[in-house]
Protein backbone atom coordinates (compact mmCIF):
# COMPACT_ATOMS: atom_id res chain seq x y z
CA UNK A 1 11.50 3.91 6.28
CA UNK A 2 9.88 1.30 4.06
CA UNK A 3 9.30 -2.32 4.98
CA UNK A 4 11.85 -3.38 2.38
CA UNK A 5 14.72 -1.63 4.14
CA UNK A 6 16.99 -3.42 6.60
CA UNK A 7 15.15 -2.59 9.83
CA UNK A 8 13.35 -5.55 11.28
CA UNK A 9 9.60 -5.42 11.54
CA UNK A 10 9.84 -5.10 15.33
CA UNK A 11 12.27 -2.17 14.99
CA UNK A 12 9.93 -0.46 12.54
CA UNK A 13 7.00 -0.84 14.91
CA UNK A 14 8.96 0.46 17.89
CA UNK A 15 10.34 3.32 15.81
CA UNK A 16 6.78 4.36 14.96
CA UNK A 17 5.74 4.14 18.62
CA UNK A 18 3.57 1.08 17.99
CA UNK A 19 3.29 -2.02 20.14
CA UNK A 20 5.03 -5.07 18.70
CA UNK A 21 2.45 -7.83 18.24
CA UNK A 22 2.65 -11.09 16.32
CA UNK A 23 -0.12 -9.92 13.97
CA UNK A 24 1.62 -6.62 13.16
CA UNK A 25 4.95 -8.35 12.58
CA UNK A 26 3.24 -10.93 10.35
CA UNK A 27 1.53 -8.17 8.35
CA UNK A 28 4.83 -6.40 7.75
CA UNK A 29 6.54 -9.66 6.78
CA UNK A 30 3.68 -10.46 4.39
CA UNK A 31 4.00 -7.06 2.74
CA UNK A 32 7.76 -7.46 2.31
CA UNK A 33 7.01 -9.88 -0.50
CA UNK A 34 3.53 -8.89 -1.70
CA UNK A 35 2.30 -5.65 -3.19
CA UNK A 36 -1.16 -4.20 -3.48
CA UNK A 37 -2.87 -6.82 -1.33
CA UNK A 38 -6.36 -6.58 0.11
CA UNK A 39 -7.09 -6.88 3.82
CA UNK A 40 -8.57 -10.33 3.16
CA UNK A 41 -5.37 -11.45 1.41
CA UNK A 42 -3.31 -10.07 4.29
CA UNK A 43 -5.55 -11.87 6.79
CA UNK A 44 -5.04 -15.18 5.02
CA UNK A 45 -1.26 -14.82 4.99
CA UNK A 46 -1.15 -13.66 8.62
CA UNK A 47 -3.29 -16.61 9.74
CA UNK A 48 -0.92 -19.01 7.94
CA UNK A 49 1.92 -17.58 10.04
CA UNK A 50 0.40 -17.02 13.47
CA UNK A 51 -2.87 -18.91 13.63
CA UNK A 52 -6.21 -17.34 14.40
CA UNK A 53 -6.38 -13.56 14.19
CA UNK A 54 -9.74 -11.84 13.95
CA UNK A 55 -10.63 -9.86 10.86
CA UNK A 56 -11.19 -6.82 13.09
CA UNK A 57 -7.64 -7.16 14.48
CA UNK A 58 -6.26 -7.27 10.93
CA UNK A 59 -8.13 -4.10 9.96
CA UNK A 60 -7.08 -2.33 13.17
CA UNK A 61 -3.45 -3.27 12.58
CA UNK A 62 -3.58 -2.18 8.93
CA UNK A 63 -5.09 1.15 9.98
CA UNK A 64 -2.46 1.67 12.69
CA UNK A 65 0.37 0.81 10.28
CA UNK A 66 -1.08 3.11 7.63
CA UNK A 67 -1.59 5.96 10.11
CA UNK A 68 2.03 5.52 11.25
CA UNK A 69 3.26 5.81 7.65
CA UNK A 70 4.69 2.28 7.56
CA UNK A 71 2.12 1.13 5.00
CA UNK A 72 0.17 2.89 2.29
CA UNK A 73 -3.49 2.24 1.50
CA UNK A 74 -4.69 2.73 -2.05
CA UNK A 75 -8.37 2.71 -2.90
CA UNK A 76 -9.07 2.30 -6.62
CA UNK A 77 -12.73 3.04 -7.42
CA UNK A 78 -14.85 -0.10 -7.42
CA UNK A 79 -12.16 -2.20 -5.73
CA UNK A 80 -11.39 -3.07 -2.12
CA UNK A 81 -8.63 -1.08 -0.46
CA UNK A 82 -5.15 -2.46 -1.08
CA UNK A 83 -2.03 -2.11 1.00
CA UNK A 84 1.63 -1.79 0.13
CA UNK A 85 4.92 -1.18 1.87
CA UNK A 86 6.30 1.28 -0.70
CA UNK A 87 5.85 4.55 1.15
CA UNK A 88 7.33 8.03 1.16
CA UNK A 89 8.07 8.38 -2.54
CA UNK A 90 4.67 9.61 -3.82
CA UNK A 91 4.53 7.03 -6.62
CA UNK A 92 1.33 6.33 -8.53
CA UNK A 93 -0.56 3.26 -9.75
CA UNK A 94 -1.80 1.63 -12.92
CA UNK A 95 -5.05 -0.33 -12.50
CA UNK A 96 -6.51 -2.78 -15.02
CA UNK A 97 -10.19 -2.06 -15.69
CA UNK A 98 -10.86 -5.71 -16.47
CA UNK A 99 -9.05 -7.84 -13.87
CA UNK A 100 -8.11 -5.24 -11.23
CA UNK A 101 -4.35 -5.86 -11.42
CA UNK A 102 -2.34 -3.01 -9.88
CA UNK A 103 1.20 -1.93 -10.76
CA UNK A 104 3.42 0.85 -9.46
CA UNK A 105 4.50 3.71 -11.70
CA UNK A 106 7.02 6.34 -10.65
CA UNK A 107 6.13 10.02 -10.41
CA UNK A 108 5.79 11.90 -13.66
CA UNK A 109 8.21 14.60 -12.44
CA UNK A 110 10.35 12.78 -9.90
CA UNK A 111 9.58 14.74 -6.74
CA UNK A 112 6.51 15.17 -4.55
CA UNK A 113 3.84 16.20 -5.25
CA UNK A 114 4.67 15.27 -8.88
CA UNK A 115 1.80 17.33 -10.25
CA UNK A 116 0.73 20.83 -9.42
CA UNK A 117 -2.94 21.82 -9.69
CA UNK A 118 -3.79 24.73 -11.98
CA UNK A 119 -5.30 26.45 -8.92
CA UNK A 120 -4.66 25.33 -5.35
CA UNK A 121 -7.51 27.20 -3.56
CA UNK A 122 -5.04 28.21 -0.86
CA UNK A 123 -3.97 24.64 -0.09
CA UNK A 124 -0.32 23.76 0.42
CA UNK A 125 -0.10 20.66 -1.80
CA UNK A 126 2.36 17.99 -0.64
CA UNK A 127 1.11 14.88 -2.42
CA UNK A 128 -0.65 13.85 -5.62
CA UNK A 129 -2.53 10.56 -5.71
CA UNK A 130 -2.87 9.53 -9.34
CA UNK A 131 -4.40 6.30 -10.64
CA UNK A 132 -3.99 5.48 -14.30
CA UNK A 133 -6.68 3.15 -15.70
CA UNK A 134 -6.41 0.81 -18.68
CA UNK A 135 -5.92 -2.84 -19.62
CA UNK A 136 -2.97 -4.88 -18.37
CA UNK A 137 -0.99 -6.99 -20.88
CA UNK A 138 -2.87 -10.18 -19.89
CA UNK A 139 -6.27 -8.59 -20.48
CA UNK A 140 -5.11 -7.18 -23.81
CA UNK A 141 -4.58 -10.74 -24.95
CA UNK A 142 -0.82 -10.31 -24.58
CA UNK A 143 -0.73 -7.37 -27.02
CA UNK A 144 0.28 -4.16 -25.21
């Protein structure tokens, strides 16, 4: 279940077998309205909501939420890890080489893993993690 569905943040946490804490709830609420945010951006938003939370606690919560499948971590080369609440659909990302902007793009085929390798070396492939690189409209000077 994604963060954007009707379950409350507390219900999502309990459903994943995680303890409900003010920091975890604040992280999920933050990611309801923000996409592709860094841990530092999450920390700032969480601190606005609940006061002091250590950076280590933010990272631990993000890792727990990612491990539980509630959040997804993407790690574009040369950029800090980013987090999003769109999970379970195996979508991909567009990343701007100049400013680092990130946008979602749906699977090329429509079902996981979207792409099949020419040879799988015996692996059972269940996901493809594709990052498309280029220039966003703003960095193109408004000319796509």
